[in-house]
Amino acid sequence: MVVIDGMSLRQIAELLGVSAMTVQRRVKLGLNTIADELKATQPDA
């Protein structure tokens, strides 16, 4: 929602009924997970 839809953390928090801090943490966790998965698919340089 943040990246694709351009929504603010506050907008997403209101939509989901959670705090903006919770949204921020979840976004960070999700991005870190994606980064880790991408690193795992790359051959060692």
PDB file of N, CA and C in Angstrom:
ATOM      1  N   MET A   1       0.817  -1.191   0.000  1.00  0.00           N
ATOM      2  CA  MET A   1       0.000   0.000   0.000  1.00  0.00           C
ATOM      3  C   MET A   1       0.863   1.259   0.000  1.00  0.00           C
ATOM      4  N   VAL A   2       1.942   1.205   0.762  1.00  0.00           N
ATOM      5  CA  VAL A   2       2.829   2.366   0.823  1.00  0.00           C
ATOM      6  C   VAL A   2       3.500   2.571  -0.524  1.00  0.00           C
ATOM      7  N   VAL A   3       4.094   1.515  -1.047  1.00  0.00           N
ATOM      8  CA  VAL A   3       4.865   1.633  -2.277  1.00  0.00           C
ATOM      9  C   VAL A   3       3.963   1.673  -3.505  1.00  0.00           C
ATOM     10  N   ILE A   4       3.045   0.755  -3.606  1.00  0.00           N
ATOM     11  CA  ILE A   4       2.230   0.630  -4.814  1.00  0.00           C
ATOM     12  C   ILE A   4       1.147   1.701  -4.891  1.00  0.00           C
ATOM     13  N   ASP A   5       0.426   1.914  -3.805  1.00  0.00           N
ATOM     14  CA  ASP A   5      -0.693   2.858  -3.814  1.00  0.00           C
ATOM     15  C   ASP A   5      -0.313   4.263  -3.369  1.00  0.00           C
ATOM     16  N   GLY A   6       0.890   4.426  -2.825  1.00  0.00           N
ATOM     17  CA  GLY A   6       1.337   5.737  -2.379  1.00  0.00           C
ATOM     18  C   GLY A   6       0.620   6.245  -1.140  1.00  0.00           C
ATOM     19  N   MET A   7       0.077   5.327  -0.358  1.00  0.00           N
ATOM     20  CA  MET A   7      -0.642   5.722   0.857  1.00  0.00           C
ATOM     21  C   MET A   7       0.350   6.041   1.973  1.00  0.00           C
ATOM     22  N   SER A   8      -0.052   6.921   2.860  1.00  0.00           N
ATOM     23  CA  SER A   8       0.782   7.237   4.016  1.00  0.00           C
ATOM     24  C   SER A   8       0.597   6.166   5.084  1.00  0.00           C
ATOM     25  N   LEU A   9       1.552   6.102   5.995  1.00  0.00           N
ATOM     26  CA  LEU A   9       1.450   5.151   7.099  1.00  0.00           C
ATOM     27  C   LEU A   9       0.186   5.416   7.911  1.00  0.00           C
ATOM     28  N   ARG A  10      -0.135   6.673   8.097  1.00  0.00           N
ATOM     29  CA  ARG A  10      -1.332   7.043   8.863  1.00  0.00           C
ATOM     30  C   ARG A  10      -2.608   6.571   8.166  1.00  0.00           C
ATOM     31  N   GLN A  11      -2.669   6.734   6.852  1.00  0.00           N
ATOM     32  CA  GLN A  11      -3.846   6.286   6.100  1.00  0.00           C
ATOM     33  C   GLN A  11      -4.021   4.772   6.218  1.00  0.00           C
ATOM     34  N   ILE A  12      -2.930   4.050   6.084  1.00  0.00           N
ATOM     35  CA  ILE A  12      -2.988   2.592   6.182  1.00  0.00           C
ATOM     36  C   ILE A  12      -3.392   2.178   7.585  1.00  0.00           C
ATOM     37  N   ALA A  13      -2.841   2.850   8.591  1.00  0.00           N
ATOM     38  CA  ALA A  13      -3.175   2.540   9.981  1.00  0.00           C
ATOM     39  C   ALA A  13      -4.672   2.709  10.228  1.00  0.00           C
ATOM     40  N   GLU A  14      -5.230   3.792   9.733  1.00  0.00           N
ATOM     41  CA  GLU A  14      -6.669   4.026   9.904  1.00  0.00           C
ATOM     42  C   GLU A  14      -7.483   2.949   9.198  1.00  0.00           C
ATOM     43  N   LEU A  15      -7.058   2.573   8.002  1.00  0.00           N
ATOM     44  CA  LEU A  15      -7.764   1.552   7.233  1.00  0.00           C
ATOM     45  C   LEU A  15      -7.744   0.196   7.941  1.00  0.00           C
ATOM     46  N   LEU A  16      -6.594  -0.140   8.549  1.00  0.00           N
ATOM     47  CA  LEU A  16      -6.430  -1.442   9.200  1.00  0.00           C
ATOM     48  C   LEU A  16      -6.820  -1.447  10.672  1.00  0.00           C
ATOM     49  N   GLY A  17      -6.997  -0.272  11.244  1.00  0.00           N
ATOM     50  CA  GLY A  17      -7.356  -0.192  12.658  1.00  0.00           C
ATOM     51  C   GLY A  17      -6.197  -0.481  13.589  1.00  0.00           C
ATOM     52  N   VAL A  18      -4.999  -0.101  13.164  1.00  0.00           N
ATOM     53  CA  VAL A  18      -3.803  -0.270  13.992  1.00  0.00           C
ATOM     54  C   VAL A  18      -3.073   1.067  14.051  1.00  0.00           C
ATOM     55  N   SER A  19      -2.012   1.128  14.848  1.00  0.00           N
ATOM     56  CA  SER A  19      -1.257   2.377  14.945  1.00  0.00           C
ATOM     57  C   SER A  19      -0.325   2.540  13.744  1.00  0.00           C
ATOM     58  N   ALA A  20       0.062   3.782  13.489  1.00  0.00           N
ATOM     59  CA  ALA A  20       1.004   4.059  12.405  1.00  0.00           C
ATOM     60  C   ALA A  20       2.343   3.385  12.683  1.00  0.00           C
ATOM     61  N   MET A  21       2.725   3.276  13.954  1.00  0.00           N
ATOM     62  CA  MET A  21       3.977   2.611  14.313  1.00  0.00           C
ATOM     63  C   MET A  21       3.919   1.129  13.943  1.00  0.00           C
ATOM     64  N   THR A  22       2.764   0.501  14.151  1.00  0.00           N
ATOM     65  CA  THR A  22       2.600  -0.906  13.774  1.00  0.00           C
ATOM     66  C   THR A  22       2.760  -1.065  12.270  1.00  0.00           C
ATOM     67  N   VAL A  23       2.159  -0.169  11.510  1.00  0.00           N
ATOM     68  CA  VAL A  23       2.290  -0.213  10.056  1.00  0.00           C
ATOM     69  C   VAL A  23       3.751  -0.046   9.668  1.00  0.00           C
ATOM     70  N   GLN A  24       4.435   0.905  10.279  1.00  0.00           N
ATOM     71  CA  GLN A  24       5.839   1.149   9.967  1.00  0.00           C
ATOM     72  C   GLN A  24       6.681  -0.093  10.240  1.00  0.00           C
ATOM     73  N   ARG A  25       6.451  -0.732  11.368  1.00  0.00           N
ATOM     74  CA  ARG A  25       7.203  -1.945  11.714  1.00  0.00           C
ATOM     75  C   ARG A  25       6.936  -3.060  10.716  1.00  0.00           C
ATOM     76  N   ARG A  26       5.683  -3.229  10.341  1.00  0.00           N
ATOM     77  CA  ARG A  26       5.324  -4.302   9.409  1.00  0.00           C
ATOM     78  C   ARG A  26       5.894  -4.051   8.018  1.00  0.00           C
ATOM     79  N   VAL A  27       5.884  -2.802   7.583  1.00  0.00           N
ATOM     80  CA  VAL A  27       6.468  -2.460   6.287  1.00  0.00           C
ATOM     81  C   VAL A  27       7.960  -2.756   6.314  1.00  0.00           C
ATOM     82  N   LYS A  28       8.631  -2.347   7.376  1.00  0.00           N
ATOM     83  CA  LYS A  28      10.074  -2.588   7.490  1.00  0.00           C
ATOM     84  C   LYS A  28      10.369  -4.085   7.498  1.00  0.00           C
ATOM     85  N   LEU A  29       9.598  -4.845   8.259  1.00  0.00           N
ATOM     86  CA  LEU A  29       9.786  -6.296   8.314  1.00  0.00           C
ATOM     87  C   LEU A  29       9.575  -6.918   6.934  1.00  0.00           C
ATOM     88  N   GLY A  30       8.545  -6.485   6.247  1.00  0.00           N
ATOM     89  CA  GLY A  30       8.269  -7.009   4.909  1.00  0.00           C
ATOM     90  C   GLY A  30       9.375  -6.694   3.919  1.00  0.00           C
ATOM     91  N   LEU A  31       9.864  -5.466   3.938  1.00  0.00           N
ATOM     92  CA  LEU A  31      10.946  -5.082   3.031  1.00  0.00           C
ATOM     93  C   LEU A  31      12.225  -5.839   3.350  1.00  0.00           C
ATOM     94  N   ASN A  32      12.509  -6.029   4.641  1.00  0.00           N
ATOM     95  CA  ASN A  32      13.687  -6.802   5.037  1.00  0.00           C
ATOM     96  C   ASN A  32      13.569  -8.252   4.580  1.00  0.00           C
ATOM     97  N   THR A  33      12.382  -8.818   4.687  1.00  0.00           N
ATOM     98  CA  THR A  33      12.156 -10.197   4.247  1.00  0.00           C
ATOM     99  C   THR A  33      12.379 -10.324   2.745  1.00  0.00           C
ATOM    100  N   ILE A  34      11.864  -9.375   1.985  1.00  0.00           N
ATOM    101  CA  ILE A  34      12.064  -9.384   0.534  1.00  0.00           C
ATOM    102  C   ILE A  34      13.548  -9.273   0.208  1.00  0.00           C
ATOM    103  N   ALA A  35      14.253  -8.373   0.876  1.00  0.00           N
ATOM    104  CA  ALA A  35      15.684  -8.196   0.635  1.00  0.00           C
ATOM    105  C   ALA A  35      16.450  -9.479   0.944  1.00  0.00           C
ATOM    106  N   ASP A  36      16.118 -10.128   2.049  1.00  0.00           N
ATOM    107  CA  ASP A  36      16.784 -11.380   2.417  1.00  0.00           C
ATOM    108  C   ASP A  36      16.538 -12.463   1.374  1.00  0.00           C
ATOM    109  N   GLU A  37      15.313 -12.559   0.894  1.00  0.00           N
ATOM    110  CA  GLU A  37      14.988 -13.565  -0.120  1.00  0.00           C
ATOM    111  C   GLU A  37      15.732 -13.287  -1.427  1.00  0.00           C
ATOM    112  N   LEU A  38      15.824 -12.028  -1.803  1.00  0.00           N
ATOM    113  CA  LEU A  38      16.554 -11.682  -3.023  1.00  0.00           C
ATOM    114  C   LEU A  38      18.037 -11.994  -2.882  1.00  0.00           C
ATOM    115  N   LYS A  39      18.603 -11.703  -1.724  1.00  0.00           N
ATOM    116  CA  LYS A  39      20.019 -12.014  -1.482  1.00  0.00           C
ATOM    117  C   LYS A  39      20.266 -13.510  -1.576  1.00  0.00           C
ATOM    118  N   ALA A  40      19.315 -14.300  -1.093  1.00  0.00           N
ATOM    119  CA  ALA A  40      19.465 -15.756  -1.098  1.00  0.00           C
ATOM    120  C   ALA A  40      19.438 -16.326  -2.516  1.00  0.00           C
ATOM    121  N   THR A  41      18.848 -15.608  -3.454  1.00  0.00           N
ATOM    122  CA  THR A  41      18.763 -16.107  -4.826  1.00  0.00           C
ATOM    123  C   THR A  41      19.934 -15.666  -5.688  1.00  0.00           C
ATOM    124  N   GLN A  42      20.753 -14.765  -5.178  1.00  0.00           N
ATOM    125  CA  GLN A  42      21.878 -14.247  -5.940  1.00  0.00           C
ATOM    126  C   GLN A  42      23.117 -15.113  -5.728  1.00  0.00           C
ATOM    127  N   PRO A  43      23.843 -15.413  -6.795  1.00  0.00           N
ATOM    128  CA  PRO A  43      25.102 -16.147  -6.618  1.00  0.00           C
ATOM    129  C   PRO A  43      26.118 -15.256  -5.907  1.00  0.00           C
ATOM    130  N   ASP A  44      27.025 -15.876  -5.194  1.00  0.00           N
ATOM    131  CA  ASP A  44      28.059 -15.102  -4.495  1.00  0.00           C
ATOM    132  C   ASP A  44      28.932 -14.382  -5.505  1.00  0.00           C
ATOM    133  N   ALA A  45      29.251 -13.133  -5.183  1.00  0.00           N
ATOM    134  CA  ALA A  45      30.062 -12.318  -6.104  1.00  0.00           C
ATOM    135  C   ALA A  45      31.533 -12.548  -5.886  1.00  0.00           C
TER     136      ALA A  45
END
